[in-house]
Amino acid sequence: MFPNPTRAAVAHPRRTALAALEGRWPARALGGLGAAATLALTACGGGSDAPAPLASKPLAEACAAYTSTTLPHGAKLTRTELRKAEGTLPDVCIVRGQIVSSPDSTINWAVELPTLAQWNSKTLTIGGGGFDGFIPTDDPWYQQLVGPSANPYVKISSDSGHQIQGFAWGKSDVALRNHAFDANHFVLEVGTAIATEFYGKRPVRRYHMGHSNGGRSGLISTQKYPKDYDGVVAMEPAIAQQAHQVNLGPTVLRHIFKSRENWMSPAKIALYAKAETAACDGLDGLKDGIIGNVEACNYVPTELLCQGADSDSCLTAGQIESIRLIYSDHKTPVTLSRGAVGYPRFGRGGASTSDWQSYMFGTSFDAPDSFNHMAVTAAARLVEGNPNANILSHDPTQYQAQYSRLAEMIDGTDPDIAAFADNGGKLLIWYGAGDTCVSMYRTVEYLDTVKQRLGASKVQSFARMVTSPSNGHDLDGAGTEPRSIDLLAAMDAWVEKGTAPDKLVATKFAPGTTTPVAQRPVCEYPKFPRYNGTGDPAKAESFTCSAT
């Protein structure tokens, strides 16, 4: 049910970036569309002598013929290409180009145009991930993320203004602004102009969907450019990246990597995951391998403490301390944007996903390659101006100004999103409760500030945060399959029909198949799916979203 290749065959781009880290529609926006687009809009008035749109020709012919010299923000078209259908992805015309913002930052962008018959008259901006530096629509993982429901949309994406996935570009304020919020805004206007020229009519809706940093970029658009999107789907948004880097480094990561006895191998992680699941599985009313009632799970693995020699059947005291730190709030005395200090704990259930290895412990103690370690190291090297900076010795408190500069630019934590709401915008946030890269609790804190500013009832009218237990940052785990939740379709229904995403259902499939084996309701935080005590445990209607 997802685009080929299958999920198992597609590496998450954040993992492939680890090595690199080492080495809805305001009238005012029309003014930026360019002369050709403005003429096309005028032609759309409906006169019988209006020329047929370019897209009325066969796609290959229209794609080869498309050109434009009047794109907004100085954008230059570099080439067009036809991508033939593959799996569930249809034929599209890809228009590529650049925006040269400064000598330090060039935005490479791509706009995917379906056939005129297939286009639903809407656009979808797809956010990136990690430190960006790649074009998401070129990556199968991101095409799978948005799913087949995205195929009728004009898809828009960019590398956010740099071509490397490390953080050295963070020295440039222009590059930071592009990465933080400007690139998506500029390229949205470019994509809108291209769609208008190609189809002979302007898009009627514009959406954003992204994961991790791509979720942050969507969320910050509601703060910086509140009229850009009719709806934003933010999956596990990394809204406070410097807080993550400043606080994880001196606490949990320094502890893990200062001694081999503190580091956990895949066998040790699996040992703990099995024990944690056994202890907390039934807290949601059903023993099914899913830790649903995350907040009630307070398991401490004291019975796993090694009584003799270290082995894969026990945990050292240092490893138990590593686990405690993962589930603890972290507070390094560095003040970031809006006076924020600290970074909250991670949710329970992450050990049963790929997260603990991918994001916390990595595959090696001697050559650390976990993403969290790499991200903290990259930030330390940037703020120190030292390519050899090491998290074992890096002291963030000595670089308050440098970290604050980054956070003020990149953080997506401004609670004033009234303009987005007043423009009719909708916001849907999803987290896997076991995420051990981005803490869902930081976004919970953020939404609390939004409710304090706008009022809880108003926020409920345009925003939801939902979660799925026993899912990690890479969307895997013992829980249901996150991509079975059609978040884009849910957002479109909310915007178009006023149907709030309050009855979402997630499905679990038999390994390696698309055969459903279980379903669960997708609950608004802090609720979780609690088994009713009767009924088929494979059916969503046998569960009720509960906070206790």
Protein backbone atom coordinates (compact mmCIF):
# COMPACT_ATOMS: atom_id res chain seq x y z
CA MET A 1 0.00 0.00 0.00
CA PHE A 2 3.06 2.24 0.00
CA PRO A 3 5.28 3.38 -2.88
CA ASN A 4 8.03 0.99 -3.89
CA PRO A 5 10.63 0.17 -2.78
CA THR A 6 9.22 -1.30 0.44
CA ARG A 7 9.89 0.39 3.77
CA ALA A 8 12.32 -2.32 4.79
CA ALA A 9 14.43 -1.65 1.72
CA VAL A 10 14.71 2.11 2.22
CA ALA A 11 17.31 3.43 4.64
CA HIS A 12 16.25 6.43 6.70
CA PRO A 13 18.17 9.42 5.27
CA ARG A 14 19.25 10.48 8.76
CA ARG A 15 21.21 7.26 9.08
CA THR A 16 22.90 7.75 5.72
CA ALA A 17 23.79 11.29 6.81
CA LEU A 18 25.82 10.21 9.84
CA ALA A 19 29.09 9.92 7.98
CA ALA A 20 28.46 13.28 6.31
CA LEU A 21 27.97 14.89 9.70
CA GLU A 22 31.49 14.03 10.56
CA GLY A 23 33.33 15.45 7.60
CA ARG A 24 -4.41 30.13 2.39
CA TRP A 25 -3.61 32.32 -0.13
CA PRO A 26 -3.20 36.07 0.61
CA ALA A 27 -3.76 38.59 -2.13
CA ARG A 28 -0.38 40.12 -1.36
CA ALA A 29 1.29 36.86 -2.34
CA LEU A 30 0.20 37.30 -5.95
CA GLY A 31 2.68 40.13 -6.34
CA GLY A 32 5.53 37.66 -6.03
CA LEU A 33 4.32 35.23 -8.67
CA GLY A 34 6.00 36.90 -11.62
CA ALA A 35 4.58 38.41 -14.80
CA ALA A 36 3.81 35.13 -16.56
CA ALA A 37 1.92 33.77 -13.58
CA THR A 38 -0.03 37.02 -13.20
CA LEU A 39 -1.05 36.82 -16.86
CA ALA A 40 -2.10 33.22 -16.36
CA LEU A 41 -4.22 34.21 -13.39
CA THR A 42 -5.90 36.90 -15.47
CA ALA A 43 -6.53 34.39 -18.23
CA CYS A 44 -8.25 32.14 -15.73
CA GLY A 45 -11.14 34.58 -15.66
CA GLY A 46 -12.86 32.29 -18.12
CA GLY A 47 -12.89 34.09 -21.49
CA SER A 48 -13.58 31.81 -24.44
CA ASP A 49 -10.37 33.00 -26.09
CA ALA A 50 -8.22 31.96 -23.11
CA PRO A 51 -5.40 29.73 -24.35
CA ALA A 52 -5.36 26.07 -23.36
CA PRO A 53 -2.97 25.40 -20.48
CA LEU A 54 0.36 23.84 -21.29
CA ALA A 55 -0.61 20.83 -19.18
CA SER A 56 -3.43 19.97 -21.62
CA LYS A 57 -0.73 18.48 -23.86
CA PRO A 58 0.75 15.03 -23.18
CA LEU A 59 2.85 15.25 -20.03
CA ALA A 60 6.16 14.46 -21.74
CA GLU A 61 5.54 17.15 -24.35
CA ALA A 62 4.36 19.72 -21.81
CA CYS A 63 7.29 18.98 -19.54
CA ALA A 64 9.84 19.46 -22.32
CA ALA A 65 8.15 22.69 -23.40
CA TYR A 66 7.83 24.31 -19.97
CA THR A 67 10.10 27.25 -19.24
CA SER A 68 9.91 30.42 -17.20
CA THR A 69 12.06 33.49 -16.77
CA THR A 70 9.80 35.33 -14.31
CA LEU A 71 9.84 33.14 -11.21
CA PRO A 72 9.75 34.92 -7.82
CA HIS A 73 12.74 35.44 -5.51
CA GLY A 74 15.17 35.40 -8.42
CA ALA A 75 14.61 31.69 -8.93
CA LYS A 76 16.17 30.22 -12.04
CA LEU A 77 14.92 27.10 -13.77
CA THR A 78 17.78 24.73 -14.53
CA ARG A 79 15.99 21.82 -16.21
CA THR A 80 12.83 19.76 -16.52
CA GLU A 81 12.62 15.98 -16.57
CA LEU A 82 9.95 13.33 -16.84
CA ARG A 83 9.84 10.70 -14.10
CA LYS A 84 8.03 7.61 -15.26
CA ALA A 85 5.54 5.86 -12.99
CA GLU A 86 7.00 3.42 -10.47
CA GLY A 87 5.09 1.45 -7.87
CA THR A 88 2.25 3.73 -6.76
CA LEU A 89 4.07 6.86 -7.89
CA PRO A 90 2.56 8.27 -11.11
CA ASP A 91 4.21 9.96 -14.07
CA VAL A 92 5.25 13.48 -13.13
CA CYS A 93 7.11 16.38 -14.70
CA ILE A 94 9.89 17.54 -12.40
CA VAL A 95 10.94 21.17 -12.69
CA ARG A 96 14.28 21.92 -11.02
CA GLY A 97 16.04 25.14 -10.24
CA GLN A 98 17.99 27.32 -7.83
CA ILE A 99 17.66 30.45 -5.74
CA VAL A 100 21.04 32.00 -5.00
CA SER A 101 20.41 33.84 -1.75
CA SER A 102 24.03 34.73 -1.04
CA PRO A 103 27.53 33.35 -1.69
CA ASP A 104 26.92 31.23 1.42
CA SER A 105 23.51 29.79 0.56
CA THR A 106 22.00 28.45 -2.65
CA ILE A 107 18.59 26.81 -2.48
CA ASN A 108 18.16 23.86 -4.84
CA TRP A 109 14.49 23.10 -5.38
CA ALA A 110 12.22 20.66 -7.21
CA VAL A 111 8.54 20.89 -8.16
CA GLU A 112 6.70 17.70 -9.20
CA LEU A 113 3.76 18.25 -11.57
CA PRO A 114 1.24 15.43 -12.17
CA THR A 115 -0.94 15.32 -15.27
CA LEU A 116 -3.71 17.88 -15.60
CA ALA A 117 -6.28 15.11 -15.22
CA GLN A 118 -4.75 13.89 -11.98
CA TRP A 119 -3.95 17.24 -10.33
CA ASN A 120 -6.31 18.07 -7.46
CA SER A 121 -5.54 21.82 -7.70
CA LYS A 122 -3.49 21.72 -4.49
CA THR A 123 0.18 21.84 -3.51
CA LEU A 124 2.11 19.91 -0.87
CA THR A 125 5.43 21.13 0.45
CA ILE A 126 7.47 18.22 1.84
CA GLY A 127 9.93 19.07 4.61
CA GLY A 128 13.36 17.48 4.98
CA GLY A 129 15.10 15.90 7.95
CA GLY A 130 18.29 15.94 9.99
CA PHE A 131 20.37 18.91 8.89
CA ASP A 132 18.68 18.90 5.43
CA GLY A 133 21.07 19.27 2.49
CA PHE A 134 19.01 17.02 0.15
CA ILE A 135 15.77 17.29 -1.83
CA PRO A 136 13.09 15.21 -0.08
CA THR A 137 10.99 14.49 -3.17
CA ASP A 138 14.04 12.73 -4.63
CA ASP A 139 14.19 10.39 -1.64
CA PRO A 140 11.95 7.27 -1.58
CA TRP A 141 11.65 7.44 2.22
CA TYR A 142 9.92 10.82 2.01
CA GLN A 143 7.68 9.73 -0.87
CA GLN A 144 6.61 6.84 1.38
CA LEU A 145 6.12 9.23 4.28
CA VAL A 146 3.49 11.34 2.49
CA GLY A 147 2.00 8.24 0.85
CA PRO A 148 -0.19 7.68 -2.22
CA SER A 149 -2.70 10.31 -1.08
CA ALA A 150 -0.07 12.89 -2.02
CA ASN A 151 0.13 11.83 -5.67
CA PRO A 152 -2.59 14.21 -6.97
CA TYR A 153 -0.76 17.18 -5.42
CA VAL A 154 1.96 19.34 -6.88
CA LYS A 155 4.84 18.34 -4.61
CA ILE A 156 7.37 20.99 -3.64
CA SER A 157 10.66 20.54 -1.79
CA SER A 158 14.17 21.93 -1.43
CA ASP A 159 17.52 21.25 0.23
CA SER A 160 16.85 24.32 2.46
CA GLY A 161 19.82 26.28 1.14
CA HIS A 162 22.89 24.07 1.57
CA GLN A 163 24.26 20.95 -0.03
CA ILE A 164 25.97 19.23 2.90
CA GLN A 165 24.25 17.46 5.76
CA GLY A 166 26.61 18.62 8.46
CA PHE A 167 26.32 21.95 10.31
CA ALA A 168 29.28 23.97 9.01
CA TRP A 169 26.89 26.16 7.01
CA GLY A 170 25.50 27.40 10.35
CA LYS A 171 28.18 30.10 10.36
CA SER A 172 26.09 32.03 7.83
CA ASP A 173 23.01 33.93 9.00
CA VAL A 174 21.54 33.73 5.50
CA ALA A 175 21.98 29.95 5.41
CA LEU A 176 20.44 29.69 8.88
CA ARG A 177 17.41 31.74 7.84
CA ASN A 178 16.95 29.66 4.71
CA HIS A 179 17.21 26.41 6.64
CA ALA A 180 15.00 27.66 9.45
CA PHE A 181 12.07 29.09 7.49
CA ASP A 182 12.84 31.14 4.37
CA ALA A 183 13.65 28.34 1.91
CA ASN A 184 10.25 26.69 2.25
CA HIS A 185 8.52 30.06 1.94
CA PHE A 186 10.47 31.07 -1.16
CA VAL A 187 10.11 27.71 -2.86
CA LEU A 188 6.40 27.53 -2.04
CA GLU A 189 5.93 30.75 -3.98
CA VAL A 190 8.09 29.40 -6.80
CA GLY A 191 6.09 26.16 -6.90
CA THR A 192 2.83 28.10 -6.82
CA ALA A 193 3.95 30.20 -9.79
CA ILE A 194 5.05 27.11 -11.73
CA ALA A 195 1.77 25.31 -11.07
CA THR A 196 -0.18 28.40 -12.13
CA GLU A 197 1.76 28.68 -15.38
CA PHE A 198 1.68 24.96 -16.14
CA TYR A 199 -2.01 24.30 -15.44
CA GLY A 200 -3.42 27.74 -16.26
CA LYS A 201 -4.98 28.16 -12.83
CA ARG A 202 -3.71 28.82 -9.36
CA PRO A 203 -3.77 26.20 -6.59
CA VAL A 204 -6.80 26.38 -4.34
CA ARG A 205 -5.09 24.86 -1.25
CA ARG A 206 -1.51 24.65 -0.01
CA TYR A 207 -0.30 22.16 2.59
CA HIS A 208 2.95 21.25 4.32
CA MET A 209 3.93 17.82 5.61
CA GLY A 210 7.24 16.94 7.22
CA HIS A 211 8.96 14.73 9.77
CA SER A 212 11.50 15.65 12.47
CA ASN A 213 13.30 18.76 11.18
CA GLY A 214 10.74 18.77 8.38
CA GLY A 215 8.02 18.84 11.03
CA ARG A 216 9.79 21.76 12.69
CA SER A 217 9.97 23.62 9.39
CA GLY A 218 6.24 23.19 8.94
CA LEU A 219 5.49 24.28 12.49
CA ILE A 220 7.72 27.36 12.25
CA SER A 221 5.93 28.37 9.05
CA THR A 222 2.76 28.84 11.12
CA GLN A 223 4.77 31.32 13.20
CA LYS A 224 6.81 33.14 10.54
CA TYR A 225 4.57 32.90 7.45
CA PRO A 226 1.06 32.23 8.80
CA LYS A 227 -0.66 32.66 5.42
CA ASP A 228 1.54 30.20 3.53
CA TYR A 229 -0.40 27.04 4.28
CA ASP A 230 -4.01 26.01 4.77
CA GLY A 231 -2.79 23.04 6.80
CA VAL A 232 0.42 21.73 8.34
CA VAL A 233 1.08 18.10 9.24
CA ALA A 234 4.10 17.96 11.58
CA MET A 235 5.34 14.46 12.39
CA GLU A 236 7.63 14.28 15.42
CA PRO A 237 8.76 17.90 14.94
CA ALA A 238 12.23 18.74 16.28
CA ILE A 239 11.17 22.16 17.46
CA ALA A 240 14.07 22.90 19.85
CA GLN A 241 17.22 21.48 18.29
CA GLN A 242 19.78 23.46 20.27
CA ALA A 243 18.03 22.49 23.50
CA HIS A 244 18.47 18.89 22.38
CA GLN A 245 22.17 19.41 21.65
CA VAL A 246 23.00 21.52 24.70
CA ASN A 247 21.26 19.23 27.19
CA LEU A 248 21.87 15.72 25.92
CA GLY A 249 25.60 16.18 25.48
CA PRO A 250 26.70 16.89 29.07
CA THR A 251 24.23 14.42 30.59
CA VAL A 252 23.17 11.19 28.96
CA LEU A 253 25.58 11.10 25.99
CA ARG A 254 28.66 11.98 28.02
CA HIS A 255 27.74 9.28 30.51
CA ILE A 256 27.16 6.66 27.80
CA PHE A 257 30.40 7.28 25.95
CA LYS A 258 32.78 7.91 28.81
CA SER A 259 32.89 4.21 29.76
CA ARG A 260 32.29 1.01 27.84
CA GLU A 261 30.34 -0.28 30.85
CA ASN A 262 27.73 2.44 30.25
CA TRP A 263 27.19 1.71 26.55
CA MET A 264 24.50 -0.77 25.51
CA SER A 265 24.91 -3.23 22.65
CA PRO A 266 21.90 -4.40 20.58
CA ALA A 267 21.71 -7.51 22.79
CA LYS A 268 21.59 -5.38 25.95
CA ILE A 269 18.95 -3.10 24.43
CA ALA A 270 16.84 -6.12 23.50
CA LEU A 271 17.23 -7.52 27.02
CA TYR A 272 15.95 -4.31 28.55
CA ALA A 273 13.17 -3.86 25.96
CA LYS A 274 11.78 -7.31 26.74
CA ALA A 275 11.80 -6.62 30.50
CA GLU A 276 10.25 -3.15 30.16
CA THR A 277 7.50 -4.47 27.90
CA ALA A 278 6.75 -7.34 30.28
CA ALA A 279 6.48 -4.90 33.19
CA CYS A 280 4.32 -2.27 31.45
CA ASP A 281 2.47 -4.07 28.67
CA GLY A 282 -0.72 -4.71 30.64
CA LEU A 283 -1.12 -1.16 31.96
CA ASP A 284 -3.42 -0.34 29.03
CA GLY A 285 -5.71 -3.27 29.81
CA LEU A 286 -4.27 -5.70 27.26
CA LYS A 287 -1.04 -7.64 26.98
CA ASP A 288 -0.20 -7.28 23.32
CA GLY A 289 3.45 -6.22 23.26
CA ILE A 290 2.54 -2.51 23.14
CA ILE A 291 3.25 -0.14 26.04
CA GLY A 292 0.11 1.94 25.65
CA ASN A 293 -0.10 3.62 29.06
CA VAL A 294 3.28 5.29 28.78
CA GLU A 295 2.84 7.63 31.75
CA ALA A 296 2.08 4.78 34.15
CA CYS A 297 5.22 2.87 33.19
CA ASN A 298 7.88 3.46 35.84
CA TYR A 299 9.87 0.26 35.43
CA VAL A 300 13.43 0.24 36.81
CA PRO A 301 15.49 -2.84 35.79
CA THR A 302 17.06 -3.54 39.19
CA GLU A 303 16.55 -7.30 38.80
CA LEU A 304 18.73 -7.21 35.66
CA LEU A 305 21.77 -5.89 37.52
CA CYS A 306 24.76 -8.16 36.93
CA GLN A 307 25.61 -10.14 40.04
CA GLY A 308 28.84 -11.50 38.59
CA ALA A 309 30.62 -11.10 35.29
CA ASP A 310 29.09 -8.84 32.68
CA SER A 311 27.14 -10.68 29.97
CA ASP A 312 24.26 -10.18 27.54
CA SER A 313 21.88 -11.56 30.17
CA CYS A 314 22.38 -8.70 32.63
CA LEU A 315 22.98 -4.96 32.87
CA THR A 316 25.84 -3.14 34.56
CA ALA A 317 25.16 -0.36 37.05
CA GLY A 318 26.41 2.09 34.42
CA GLN A 319 23.92 0.78 31.86
CA ILE A 320 21.06 1.07 34.31
CA GLU A 321 22.15 4.66 34.92
CA SER A 322 22.12 5.26 31.14
CA ILE A 323 18.50 4.09 31.08
CA ARG A 324 17.63 6.34 34.01
CA LEU A 325 19.12 9.31 32.20
CA ILE A 326 17.15 8.58 29.02
CA TYR A 327 13.96 8.74 31.07
CA SER A 328 15.00 11.85 33.05
CA ASP A 329 14.64 15.54 32.31
CA HIS A 330 17.95 17.17 31.36
CA LYS A 331 18.95 20.64 32.50
CA THR A 332 22.19 22.29 31.42
CA PRO A 333 22.25 25.95 32.60
CA VAL A 334 22.20 27.50 29.13
CA THR A 335 19.31 29.84 28.31
CA LEU A 336 18.00 29.59 24.76
CA SER A 337 15.18 31.27 22.82
CA ARG A 338 12.26 32.60 24.87
CA GLY A 339 14.15 31.87 28.09
CA ALA A 340 14.02 28.11 27.66
CA VAL A 341 16.36 26.02 29.80
CA GLY A 342 16.63 22.23 29.67
CA TYR A 343 15.23 19.42 27.54
CA PRO A 344 12.65 16.87 28.72
CA ARG A 345 12.83 13.11 29.00
CA PHE A 346 12.09 10.61 26.28
CA GLY A 347 8.96 8.45 26.22
CA ARG A 348 8.73 4.82 27.24
CA GLY A 349 8.80 2.10 24.62
CA GLY A 350 11.69 3.36 22.53
CA ALA A 351 13.92 0.41 23.44
CA SER A 352 11.63 -1.91 21.47
CA THR A 353 12.11 0.22 18.34
CA SER A 354 15.31 0.90 16.38
CA ASP A 355 15.66 4.26 18.18
CA TRP A 356 17.96 3.32 21.03
CA GLN A 357 20.59 1.99 18.67
CA SER A 358 20.09 4.53 15.87
CA TYR A 359 19.79 7.65 18.01
CA MET A 360 21.28 6.99 21.43
CA PHE A 361 23.88 4.19 21.54
CA GLY A 362 24.82 3.61 17.91
CA THR A 363 26.58 0.53 16.59
CA SER A 364 29.96 1.14 18.24
CA PHE A 365 31.35 2.45 21.50
CA ASP A 366 34.79 3.11 20.05
CA ALA A 367 33.56 4.91 16.93
CA PRO A 368 30.31 6.59 18.03
CA ASP A 369 27.81 6.80 15.21
CA SER A 370 24.44 7.39 16.86
CA PHE A 371 22.59 10.37 15.42
CA ASN A 372 22.23 12.15 18.76
CA HIS A 373 26.00 11.87 19.31
CA MET A 374 26.71 13.11 15.81
CA ALA A 375 24.26 16.05 16.07
CA VAL A 376 25.65 17.17 19.43
CA THR A 377 29.19 16.87 18.09
CA ALA A 378 28.37 18.86 14.95
CA ALA A 379 26.86 21.68 17.02
CA ALA A 380 29.81 21.68 19.43
CA ARG A 381 32.25 21.98 16.54
CA LEU A 382 30.26 24.84 15.05
CA VAL A 383 29.98 26.92 18.21
CA GLU A 384 33.59 26.28 19.21
CA GLY A 385 34.90 26.85 15.71
CA ASN A 386 36.92 23.71 16.35
CA PRO A 387 36.65 20.73 13.97
CA ASN A 388 38.00 18.46 16.71
CA ALA A 389 35.53 19.41 19.46
CA ASN A 390 34.41 16.39 21.48
CA ILE A 391 31.28 16.00 23.58
CA LEU A 392 33.28 14.39 26.39
CA SER A 393 35.02 17.72 26.99
CA HIS A 394 32.67 20.27 25.38
CA ASP A 395 31.09 22.65 27.92
CA PRO A 396 27.97 24.32 26.44
CA THR A 397 27.87 26.86 29.28
CA GLN A 398 30.96 28.48 27.77
CA TYR A 399 29.13 29.13 24.49
CA GLN A 400 25.87 30.68 25.66
CA ALA A 401 25.83 33.40 22.97
CA GLN A 402 26.62 31.01 20.14
CA TYR A 403 23.92 28.51 21.07
CA SER A 404 21.42 31.31 21.68
CA ARG A 405 22.08 32.69 18.17
CA LEU A 406 21.28 29.32 16.63
CA ALA A 407 18.20 28.75 18.77
CA GLU A 408 16.77 32.21 18.13
CA MET A 409 16.96 31.49 14.40
CA ILE A 410 15.91 27.83 14.20
CA ASP A 411 13.57 27.15 17.15
CA GLY A 412 9.93 26.63 16.25
CA THR A 413 8.62 27.64 19.68
CA ASP A 414 6.85 31.00 19.21
CA PRO A 415 3.40 30.50 20.80
CA ASP A 416 1.80 33.34 18.87
CA ILE A 417 0.18 31.47 15.99
CA ALA A 418 -3.09 33.41 16.16
CA ALA A 419 -2.60 34.76 12.62
CA PHE A 420 -2.34 31.20 11.27
CA ALA A 421 -5.51 30.19 13.13
CA ASP A 422 -7.38 33.33 12.13
CA ASN A 423 -6.53 32.66 8.49
CA GLY A 424 -8.26 29.29 8.80
CA GLY A 425 -5.07 27.25 9.14
CA LYS A 426 -5.11 23.78 10.71
CA LEU A 427 -2.25 22.07 12.55
CA LEU A 428 -1.93 18.31 13.09
CA ILE A 429 1.04 16.97 15.08
CA TRP A 430 1.86 13.27 15.41
CA TYR A 431 4.45 11.57 17.62
CA GLY A 432 5.54 8.05 18.26
CA ALA A 433 5.48 7.90 22.05
CA GLY A 434 8.76 5.95 22.10
CA ASP A 435 10.68 8.57 20.09
CA THR A 436 14.24 8.71 21.46
CA CYS A 437 15.56 11.32 19.05
CA VAL A 438 13.02 14.11 19.60
CA SER A 439 11.20 14.30 22.92
CA MET A 440 7.45 14.60 22.42
CA TYR A 441 7.30 16.29 25.82
CA ARG A 442 9.06 19.38 24.45
CA THR A 443 6.23 19.86 21.98
CA VAL A 444 3.70 19.22 24.75
CA GLU A 445 5.35 22.09 26.66
CA TYR A 446 5.15 24.27 23.55
CA LEU A 447 1.47 23.58 22.98
CA ASP A 448 0.81 24.47 26.61
CA THR A 449 2.28 27.93 25.92
CA VAL A 450 0.07 28.26 22.84
CA LYS A 451 -3.00 27.41 24.93
CA GLN A 452 -1.96 29.91 27.58
CA ARG A 453 -1.70 32.60 24.92
CA LEU A 454 -4.71 31.82 22.73
CA GLY A 455 -6.97 29.88 25.08
CA ALA A 456 -7.52 26.14 25.09
CA SER A 457 -10.86 26.28 23.27
CA LYS A 458 -9.43 28.27 20.37
CA VAL A 459 -6.44 25.96 20.07
CA GLN A 460 -8.78 22.94 20.04
CA SER A 461 -10.56 24.49 17.07
CA PHE A 462 -7.49 24.38 14.83
CA ALA A 463 -4.76 22.19 16.37
CA ARG A 464 -4.38 18.59 17.52
CA MET A 465 -1.43 16.56 18.83
CA VAL A 466 -1.91 12.81 18.55
CA THR A 467 0.40 9.95 19.49
CA SER A 468 0.93 6.26 18.81
CA PRO A 469 2.50 4.09 21.53
CA SER A 470 5.50 1.82 20.94
CA ASN A 471 6.57 3.72 17.82
CA GLY A 472 9.98 5.36 17.46
CA HIS A 473 11.44 8.22 15.48
CA ASP A 474 12.02 5.99 12.46
CA LEU A 475 8.31 5.03 12.52
CA ASP A 476 8.98 1.42 13.54
CA GLY A 477 8.37 -0.59 16.70
CA ALA A 478 5.90 -3.00 18.25
CA GLY A 479 3.01 -0.60 17.75
CA THR A 480 0.87 0.11 14.72
CA GLU A 481 2.30 1.37 11.42
CA PRO A 482 2.34 5.20 11.46
CA ARG A 483 2.12 5.47 7.67
CA SER A 484 -1.17 3.58 7.78
CA ILE A 485 -2.63 6.78 9.27
CA ASP A 486 -3.48 8.92 6.27
CA LEU A 487 -2.55 12.19 7.93
CA LEU A 488 -2.62 14.18 4.69
CA ALA A 489 -6.14 13.03 3.83
CA ALA A 490 -7.20 13.77 7.41
CA MET A 491 -5.79 17.30 7.13
CA ASP A 492 -7.50 17.91 3.79
CA ALA A 493 -10.83 16.74 5.22
CA TRP A 494 -10.37 19.08 8.20
CA VAL A 495 -9.64 22.06 5.96
CA GLU A 496 -12.19 21.29 3.23
CA LYS A 497 -15.05 19.81 5.26
CA GLY A 498 -14.40 20.87 8.85
CA THR A 499 -14.00 17.23 9.92
CA ALA A 500 -11.57 17.29 12.84
CA PRO A 501 -9.06 14.39 13.00
CA ASP A 502 -10.64 12.86 16.10
CA LYS A 503 -11.34 9.35 14.77
CA LEU A 504 -8.03 8.36 13.21
CA VAL A 505 -7.13 4.67 13.17
CA ALA A 506 -3.69 3.07 12.80
CA THR A 507 -3.11 -0.45 11.51
CA LYS A 508 -0.49 -3.08 12.28
CA PHE A 509 0.46 -5.45 9.49
CA ALA A 510 1.87 -8.95 9.46
CA PRO A 511 5.67 -8.70 9.05
CA GLY A 512 6.68 -8.05 5.46
CA THR A 513 3.09 -7.89 4.21
CA THR A 514 0.15 -5.52 3.87
CA THR A 515 -2.13 -7.94 5.72
CA PRO A 516 -3.77 -6.13 8.69
CA VAL A 517 -3.44 -7.91 12.03
CA ALA A 518 -4.47 -5.19 14.48
CA GLN A 519 -5.91 -1.69 14.63
CA ARG A 520 -5.80 1.00 17.29
CA PRO A 521 -7.37 4.44 17.63
CA VAL A 522 -4.90 7.31 17.31
CA CYS A 523 -5.48 9.32 20.47
CA GLU A 524 -5.04 12.97 21.26
CA TYR A 525 -2.31 13.48 23.85
CA PRO A 526 -2.32 12.70 26.77
CA LYS A 527 -4.83 9.95 26.00
CA PHE A 528 -3.83 6.46 24.85
CA PRO A 529 -5.75 3.42 23.50
CA ARG A 530 -7.11 1.50 26.49
CA TYR A 531 -8.68 -1.90 25.89
CA ASN A 532 -12.35 -1.98 26.88
CA GLY A 533 -12.01 -5.43 28.42
CA THR A 534 -14.25 -7.07 25.83
CA GLY A 535 -14.33 -7.24 22.08
CA ASP A 536 -11.87 -8.26 19.40
CA PRO A 537 -8.45 -6.90 20.44
CA ALA A 538 -7.58 -6.59 16.76
CA LYS A 539 -10.35 -4.00 16.19
CA ALA A 540 -10.03 -0.30 16.97
CA GLU A 541 -13.58 -0.17 18.34
CA SER A 542 -12.50 -2.42 21.22
CA PHE A 543 -10.39 0.45 22.56
CA THR A 544 -11.21 3.83 24.09
CA CYS A 545 -8.89 6.82 24.20
CA SER A 546 -8.22 7.30 27.91
CA ALA A 547 -5.91 9.46 30.02
CA THR A 548 -5.77 6.91 32.87
